[in-house]
PDB file of N, CA and C in Angstrom:
ATOM      1  N   MET A   1      18.802   4.963  45.429  1.00  0.00           N
ATOM      2  CA  MET A   1      18.044   5.575  46.515  1.00  0.00           C
ATOM      3  C   MET A   1      18.406   7.056  46.610  1.00  0.00           C
ATOM      4  N   GLY A   2      17.394   7.923  46.710  1.00  0.00           N
ATOM      5  CA  GLY A   2      17.615   9.364  46.740  1.00  0.00           C
ATOM      6  C   GLY A   2      18.151   9.842  48.079  1.00  0.00           C
ATOM      7  N   LYS A   3      18.743  11.006  48.036  1.00  0.00           N
ATOM      8  CA  LYS A   3      19.302  11.600  49.244  1.00  0.00           C
ATOM      9  C   LYS A   3      18.184  12.212  50.086  1.00  0.00           C
ATOM     10  N   LYS A   4      18.249  12.005  51.396  1.00  0.00           N
ATOM     11  CA  LYS A   4      17.254  12.578  52.294  1.00  0.00           C
ATOM     12  C   LYS A   4      17.738  13.954  52.744  1.00  0.00           C
ATOM     13  N   TYR A   5      16.819  14.887  52.801  1.00  0.00           N
ATOM     14  CA  TYR A   5      17.167  16.241  53.194  1.00  0.00           C
ATOM     15  C   TYR A   5      16.617  16.554  54.580  1.00  0.00           C
ATOM     16  N   LYS A   6      17.373  17.378  55.301  1.00  0.00           N
ATOM     17  CA  LYS A   6      16.917  17.845  56.597  1.00  0.00           C
ATOM     18  C   LYS A   6      16.030  19.061  56.383  1.00  0.00           C
ATOM     19  N   LEU A   7      15.039  19.205  57.234  1.00  0.00           N
ATOM     20  CA  LEU A   7      14.168  20.375  57.173  1.00  0.00           C
ATOM     21  C   LEU A   7      14.751  21.467  58.058  1.00  0.00           C
ATOM     22  N   LYS A   8      14.636  22.698  57.615  1.00  0.00           N
ATOM     23  CA  LYS A   8      15.128  23.820  58.416  1.00  0.00           C
ATOM     24  C   LYS A   8      14.059  24.241  59.422  1.00  0.00           C
ATOM     25  N   THR A   9      14.492  24.492  60.645  1.00  0.00           N
ATOM     26  CA  THR A   9      13.602  24.942  61.708  1.00  0.00           C
ATOM     27  C   THR A   9      13.485  26.453  61.654  1.00  0.00           C
ATOM     28  N   HIS A  10      12.273  26.960  61.782  1.00  0.00           N
ATOM     29  CA  HIS A  10      12.046  28.395  61.889  1.00  0.00           C
ATOM     30  C   HIS A  10      12.382  28.774  63.327  1.00  0.00           C
ATOM     31  N   LYS A  11      13.507  29.477  63.511  1.00  0.00           N
ATOM     32  CA  LYS A  11      14.055  29.706  64.848  1.00  0.00           C
ATOM     33  C   LYS A  11      13.152  30.520  65.761  1.00  0.00           C
ATOM     34  N   ALA A  12      12.449  31.494  65.214  1.00  0.00           N
ATOM     35  CA  ALA A  12      11.544  32.294  66.048  1.00  0.00           C
ATOM     36  C   ALA A  12      10.428  31.425  66.621  1.00  0.00           C
ATOM     37  N   THR A  13       9.943  30.474  65.822  1.00  0.00           N
ATOM     38  CA  THR A  13       8.905  29.561  66.297  1.00  0.00           C
ATOM     39  C   THR A  13       9.457  28.636  67.370  1.00  0.00           C
ATOM     40  N   ALA A  14      10.663  28.132  67.164  1.00  0.00           N
ATOM     41  CA  ALA A  14      11.271  27.211  68.127  1.00  0.00           C
ATOM     42  C   ALA A  14      11.501  27.879  69.483  1.00  0.00           C
ATOM     43  N   LYS A  15      11.769  29.184  69.477  1.00  0.00           N
ATOM     44  CA  LYS A  15      11.999  29.903  70.729  1.00  0.00           C
ATOM     45  C   LYS A  15      10.699  30.216  71.461  1.00  0.00           C
ATOM     46  N   ARG A  16       9.605  30.324  70.728  1.00  0.00           N
ATOM     47  CA  ARG A  16       8.343  30.737  71.338  1.00  0.00           C
ATOM     48  C   ARG A  16       7.469  29.598  71.833  1.00  0.00           C
ATOM     49  N   PHE A  17       7.676  28.404  71.324  1.00  0.00           N
ATOM     50  CA  PHE A  17       6.786  27.289  71.651  1.00  0.00           C
ATOM     51  C   PHE A  17       7.546  26.121  72.260  1.00  0.00           C
ATOM     52  N   ARG A  18       6.832  25.320  73.061  1.00  0.00           N
ATOM     53  CA  ARG A  18       7.386  24.101  73.655  1.00  0.00           C
ATOM     54  C   ARG A  18       6.357  22.995  73.462  1.00  0.00           C
ATOM     55  N   VAL A  19       6.825  21.754  73.517  1.00  0.00           N
ATOM     56  CA  VAL A  19       5.916  20.610  73.457  1.00  0.00           C
ATOM     57  C   VAL A  19       5.968  19.919  74.818  1.00  0.00           C
ATOM     58  N   THR A  20       4.816  19.651  75.398  1.00  0.00           N
ATOM     59  CA  THR A  20       4.763  18.996  76.699  1.00  0.00           C
ATOM     60  C   THR A  20       4.995  17.497  76.521  1.00  0.00           C
ATOM     61  N   GLY A  21       5.125  16.797  77.637  1.00  0.00           N
ATOM     62  CA  GLY A  21       5.322  15.356  77.588  1.00  0.00           C
ATOM     63  C   GLY A  21       4.168  14.630  76.919  1.00  0.00           C
ATOM     64  N   GLY A  22       2.974  15.177  77.052  1.00  0.00           N
ATOM     65  CA  GLY A  22       1.793  14.574  76.438  1.00  0.00           C
ATOM     66  C   GLY A  22       1.607  14.941  74.978  1.00  0.00           C
ATOM     67  N   GLY A  23       2.476  15.823  74.458  1.00  0.00           N
ATOM     68  CA  GLY A  23       2.397  16.188  73.057  1.00  0.00           C
ATOM     69  C   GLY A  23       1.669  17.480  72.758  1.00  0.00           C
ATOM     70  N   LYS A  24       1.225  18.202  73.796  1.00  0.00           N
ATOM     71  CA  LYS A  24       0.540  19.476  73.564  1.00  0.00           C
ATOM     72  C   LYS A  24       1.569  20.559  73.248  1.00  0.00           C
ATOM     73  N   VAL A  25       1.192  21.471  72.359  1.00  0.00           N
ATOM     74  CA  VAL A  25       2.046  22.616  72.041  1.00  0.00           C
ATOM     75  C   VAL A  25       1.591  23.762  72.941  1.00  0.00           C
ATOM     76  N   VAL A  26       2.543  24.335  73.699  1.00  0.00           N
ATOM     77  CA  VAL A  26       2.218  25.415  74.632  1.00  0.00           C
ATOM     78  C   VAL A  26       3.067  26.642  74.326  1.00  0.00           C
ATOM     79  N   ARG A  27       2.577  27.793  74.792  1.00  0.00           N
ATOM     80  CA  ARG A  27       3.272  29.050  74.587  1.00  0.00           C
ATOM     81  C   ARG A  27       3.191  29.885  75.851  1.00  0.00           C
ATOM     82  N   THR A  28       4.071  30.890  75.967  1.00  0.00           N
ATOM     83  CA  THR A  28       3.995  31.830  77.081  1.00  0.00           C
ATOM     84  C   THR A  28       3.193  33.041  76.638  1.00  0.00           C
ATOM     85  N   LYS A  29       2.844  33.860  77.582  1.00  0.00           N
ATOM     86  CA  LYS A  29       2.097  35.079  77.274  1.00  0.00           C
ATOM     87  C   LYS A  29       3.056  36.195  76.895  1.00  0.00           C
ATOM     88  N   GLY A  30       2.579  37.133  76.105  1.00  0.00           N
ATOM     89  CA  GLY A  30       3.378  38.299  75.752  1.00  0.00           C
ATOM     90  C   GLY A  30       3.245  39.373  76.809  1.00  0.00           C
ATOM     91  N   GLY A  31       4.014  40.440  76.664  1.00  0.00           N
ATOM     92  CA  GLY A  31       3.921  41.569  77.582  1.00  0.00           C
ATOM     93  C   GLY A  31       4.679  41.388  78.866  1.00  0.00           C
ATOM     94  N   LYS A  32       5.738  40.565  78.855  1.00  0.00           N
ATOM     95  CA  LYS A  32       6.485  40.299  80.082  1.00  0.00           C
ATOM     96  C   LYS A  32       7.770  41.111  80.185  1.00  0.00           C
ATOM     97  N   SER A  33       8.185  41.756  79.118  1.00  0.00           N
ATOM     98  CA  SER A  33       9.538  42.302  79.096  1.00  0.00           C
ATOM     99  C   SER A  33       9.686  43.685  79.727  1.00  0.00           C
ATOM    100  N   HIS A  34       8.869  44.647  79.354  1.00  0.00           N
ATOM    101  CA  HIS A  34       9.052  45.992  79.903  1.00  0.00           C
ATOM    102  C   HIS A  34       7.706  46.681  80.034  1.00  0.00           C
ATOM    103  N   LEU A  35       7.714  47.905  80.604  1.00  0.00           N
ATOM    104  CA  LEU A  35       6.482  48.672  80.899  1.00  0.00           C
ATOM    105  C   LEU A  35       5.562  47.904  81.847  1.00  0.00           C
ATOM    106  N   ARG A  36       6.148  47.313  82.883  1.00  0.00           N
ATOM    107  CA  ARG A  36       5.355  46.525  83.837  1.00  0.00           C
ATOM    108  C   ARG A  36       5.298  47.169  85.204  1.00  0.00           C
ATOM    109  N   ARG A  37       5.777  48.388  85.326  1.00  0.00           N
ATOM    110  CA  ARG A  37       5.876  49.005  86.642  1.00  0.00           C
ATOM    111  C   ARG A  37       4.509  49.246  87.278  1.00  0.00           C
ATOM    112  N   ARG A  38       3.552  49.642  86.463  1.00  0.00           N
ATOM    113  CA  ARG A  38       2.221  49.928  87.001  1.00  0.00           C
ATOM    114  C   ARG A  38       1.313  48.705  87.026  1.00  0.00           C
ATOM    115  N   THR A  39       1.790  47.608  86.510  1.00  0.00           N
ATOM    116  CA  THR A  39       0.981  46.390  86.466  1.00  0.00           C
ATOM    117  C   THR A  39       0.912  45.767  87.860  1.00  0.00           C
ATOM    118  N   SER A  40      -0.251  45.286  88.229  1.00  0.00           N
ATOM    119  CA  SER A  40      -0.420  44.707  89.563  1.00  0.00           C
ATOM    120  C   SER A  40       0.342  43.381  89.672  1.00  0.00           C
ATOM    121  N   ARG A  41       0.638  43.005  90.901  1.00  0.00           N
ATOM    122  CA  ARG A  41       1.376  41.770  91.156  1.00  0.00           C
ATOM    123  C   ARG A  41       0.614  40.549  90.651  1.00  0.00           C
ATOM    124  N   ARG A  42      -0.688  40.602  90.834  1.00  0.00           N
ATOM    125  CA  ARG A  42      -1.537  39.480  90.403  1.00  0.00           C
ATOM    126  C   ARG A  42      -1.471  39.296  88.890  1.00  0.00           C
ATOM    127  N   THR A  43      -1.510  40.384  88.161  1.00  0.00           N
ATOM    128  CA  THR A  43      -1.433  40.319  86.698  1.00  0.00           C
ATOM    129  C   THR A  43      -0.077  39.806  86.256  1.00  0.00           C
ATOM    130  N   LYS A  44       0.993  40.283  86.900  1.00  0.00           N
ATOM    131  CA  LYS A  44       2.345  39.844  86.547  1.00  0.00           C
ATOM    132  C   LYS A  44       2.539  38.360  86.831  1.00  0.00           C
ATOM    133  N   ALA A  45       1.894  37.873  87.883  1.00  0.00           N
ATOM    134  CA  ALA A  45       1.994  36.451  88.215  1.00  0.00           C
ATOM    135  C   ALA A  45       1.315  35.590  87.147  1.00  0.00           C
ATOM    136  N   LYS A  46       0.284  36.133  86.525  1.00  0.00           N
ATOM    137  CA  LYS A  46      -0.437  35.389  85.488  1.00  0.00           C
ATOM    138  C   LYS A  46       0.371  35.241  84.206  1.00  0.00           C
ATOM    139  N   PHE A  47       1.391  36.085  84.024  1.00  0.00           N
ATOM    140  CA  PHE A  47       2.234  35.994  82.830  1.00  0.00           C
ATOM    141  C   PHE A  47       3.089  34.722  82.817  1.00  0.00           C
ATOM    142  N   THR A  48       3.305  34.115  83.976  1.00  0.00           N
ATOM    143  CA  THR A  48       4.213  32.966  84.064  1.00  0.00           C
ATOM    144  C   THR A  48       3.597  31.663  83.556  1.00  0.00           C
ATOM    145  N   THR A  49       2.272  31.596  83.481  1.00  0.00           N
ATOM    146  CA  THR A  49       1.639  30.338  83.080  1.00  0.00           C
ATOM    147  C   THR A  49       1.792  30.081  81.584  1.00  0.00           C
ATOM    148  N   MET A  50       1.932  28.810  81.229  1.00  0.00           N
ATOM    149  CA  MET A  50       2.013  28.418  79.828  1.00  0.00           C
ATOM    150  C   MET A  50       0.601  28.107  79.339  1.00  0.00           C
ATOM    151  N   LEU A  51       0.272  28.592  78.162  1.00  0.00           N
ATOM    152  CA  LEU A  51      -1.060  28.379  77.594  1.00  0.00           C
ATOM    153  C   LEU A  51      -0.999  27.394  76.445  1.00  0.00           C
ATOM    154  N   PRO A  52      -1.979  26.505  76.331  1.00  0.00           N
ATOM    155  CA  PRO A  52      -1.999  25.628  75.164  1.00  0.00           C
ATOM    156  C   PRO A  52      -2.326  26.425  73.909  1.00  0.00           C
ATOM    157  N   VAL A  53      -1.704  26.064  72.812  1.00  0.00           N
ATOM    158  CA  VAL A  53      -1.918  26.749  71.536  1.00  0.00           C
ATOM    159  C   VAL A  53      -3.254  26.283  70.949  1.00  0.00           C
ATOM    160  N   ALA A  54      -3.950  27.196  70.289  1.00  0.00           N
ATOM    161  CA  ALA A  54      -5.234  26.866  69.677  1.00  0.00           C
ATOM    162  C   ALA A  54      -5.049  25.762  68.647  1.00  0.00           C
ATOM    163  N   SER A  55      -6.016  24.890  68.550  1.00  0.00           N
ATOM    164  CA  SER A  55      -5.911  23.727  67.669  1.00  0.00           C
ATOM    165  C   SER A  55      -5.716  24.116  66.205  1.00  0.00           C
ATOM    166  N   SER A  56      -6.222  25.288  65.818  1.00  0.00           N
ATOM    167  CA  SER A  56      -6.065  25.731  64.438  1.00  0.00           C
ATOM    168  C   SER A  56      -4.622  26.143  64.125  1.00  0.00           C
ATOM    169  N   GLU A  57      -3.841  26.488  65.155  1.00  0.00           N
ATOM    170  CA  GLU A  57      -2.470  26.950  64.951  1.00  0.00           C
ATOM    171  C   GLU A  57      -1.423  25.849  65.140  1.00  0.00           C
ATOM    172  N   VAL A  58      -1.802  24.737  65.745  1.00  0.00           N
ATOM    173  CA  VAL A  58      -0.842  23.674  66.047  1.00  0.00           C
ATOM    174  C   VAL A  58      -0.188  23.127  64.785  1.00  0.00           C
ATOM    175  N   LYS A  59      -0.967  22.967  63.738  1.00  0.00           N
ATOM    176  CA  LYS A  59      -0.454  22.428  62.484  1.00  0.00           C
ATOM    177  C   LYS A  59       0.626  23.352  61.904  1.00  0.00           C
ATOM    178  N   ARG A  60       0.403  24.650  61.981  1.00  0.00           N
ATOM    179  CA  ARG A  60       1.369  25.623  61.475  1.00  0.00           C
ATOM    180  C   ARG A  60       2.660  25.610  62.286  1.00  0.00           C
ATOM    181  N   VAL A  61       2.522  25.524  63.622  1.00  0.00           N
ATOM    182  CA  VAL A  61       3.705  25.499  64.493  1.00  0.00           C
ATOM    183  C   VAL A  61       4.536  24.250  64.220  1.00  0.00           C
ATOM    184  N   LYS A  62       3.880  23.109  64.067  1.00  0.00           N
ATOM    185  CA  LYS A  62       4.599  21.863  63.811  1.00  0.00           C
ATOM    186  C   LYS A  62       5.276  21.857  62.447  1.00  0.00           C
ATOM    187  N   ALA A  63       4.705  22.573  61.478  1.00  0.00           N
ATOM    188  CA  ALA A  63       5.325  22.658  60.157  1.00  0.00           C
ATOM    189  C   ALA A  63       6.561  23.553  60.194  1.00  0.00           C
ATOM    190  N   LEU A  64       6.489  24.641  60.974  1.00  0.00           N
ATOM    191  CA  LEU A  64       7.613  25.567  61.053  1.00  0.00           C
ATOM    192  C   LEU A  64       8.754  25.013  61.906  1.00  0.00           C
ATOM    193  N   ALA A  65       8.431  24.209  62.904  1.00  0.00           N
ATOM    194  CA  ALA A  65       9.457  23.645  63.778  1.00  0.00           C
ATOM    195  C   ALA A  65       9.248  22.134  63.857  1.00  0.00           C
ATOM    196  N   PRO A  66       9.693  21.397  62.826  1.00  0.00           N
ATOM    197  CA  PRO A  66       9.397  19.964  62.769  1.00  0.00           C
ATOM    198  C   PRO A  66      10.083  19.128  63.847  1.00  0.00           C
ATOM    199  N   TYR A  67      11.195  19.618  64.417  1.00  0.00           N
ATOM    200  CA  TYR A  67      11.931  18.832  65.418  1.00  0.00           C
ATOM    201  C   TYR A  67      11.651  19.291  66.835  1.00  0.00           C
ATOM    202  N   LEU A  68      10.605  20.072  67.017  1.00  0.00           N
ATOM    203  CA  LEU A  68      10.276  20.629  68.327  1.00  0.00           C
ATOM    204  C   LEU A  68       9.998  19.533  69.349  1.00  0.00           C
ATOM    205  N   LYS A  69       9.360  18.457  68.918  1.00  0.00           N
ATOM    206  CA  LYS A  69       9.021  17.379  69.863  1.00  0.00           C
ATOM    207  C   LYS A  69      10.243  16.611  70.338  1.00  0.00           C
ATOM    208  N   HIS A  70      11.346  16.666  69.584  1.00  0.00           N
ATOM    209  CA  HIS A  70      12.565  15.947  69.982  1.00  0.00           C
ATOM    210  C   HIS A  70      13.347  16.683  71.058  1.00  0.00           C
ATOM    211  N   TYR A  71      13.278  18.021  71.031  1.00  0.00           N
ATOM    212  CA  TYR A  71      14.030  18.831  71.995  1.00  0.00           C
ATOM    213  C   TYR A  71      13.057  19.686  72.785  1.00  0.00           C
ATOM    214  N   LYS A  72      12.406  19.096  73.781  1.00  0.00           N
ATOM    215  CA  LYS A  72      11.356  19.812  74.501  1.00  0.00           C
ATOM    216  C   LYS A  72      11.858  21.076  75.185  1.00  0.00           C
ATOM    217  N   ALA A  73      12.649  20.928  76.226  1.00  0.00           N
ATOM    218  CA  ALA A  73      13.098  22.105  76.963  1.00  0.00           C
ATOM    219  C   ALA A  73      14.592  22.286  76.857  1.00  0.00           C
ATOM    220  N   ASN A  74      15.279  21.402  76.194  1.00  0.00           N
ATOM    221  CA  ASN A  74      16.733  21.454  76.140  1.00  0.00           C
ATOM    222  C   ASN A  74      17.214  21.364  74.691  1.00  0.00           C
ATOM    223  N   PRO A  75      17.105  22.477  73.950  1.00  0.00           N
ATOM    224  CA  PRO A  75      17.542  22.430  72.560  1.00  0.00           C
ATOM    225  C   PRO A  75      19.046  22.239  72.444  1.00  0.00           C
ATOM    226  N   PRO A  76      19.521  21.613  71.380  1.00  0.00           N
ATOM    227  CA  PRO A  76      20.961  21.416  71.233  1.00  0.00           C
ATOM    228  C   PRO A  76      21.664  22.743  71.049  1.00  0.00           C
ATOM    229  N   ALA A  77      22.868  22.857  71.594  1.00  0.00           N
ATOM    230  CA  ALA A  77      23.624  24.122  71.536  1.00  0.00           C
ATOM    231  C   ALA A  77      24.164  24.390  70.145  1.00  0.00           C
TER     232      ALA A  77
END
């Protein structure tokens, strides 16, 4: 019997995406870090929502981070 190999997780992908309880891949919006002084409160509040990833990109995200569904919001240290 051959040896089984572990797949390497693409760390940038693992940090940017989460999997919900229902299995949807979600992401946060960009533009939250700096240069927000002139941005209205309403616009800044909209940055907090998680958006579902487009169906065409889900396959790529799952390939880059194969264990994402196992560690939803609490990745191992």
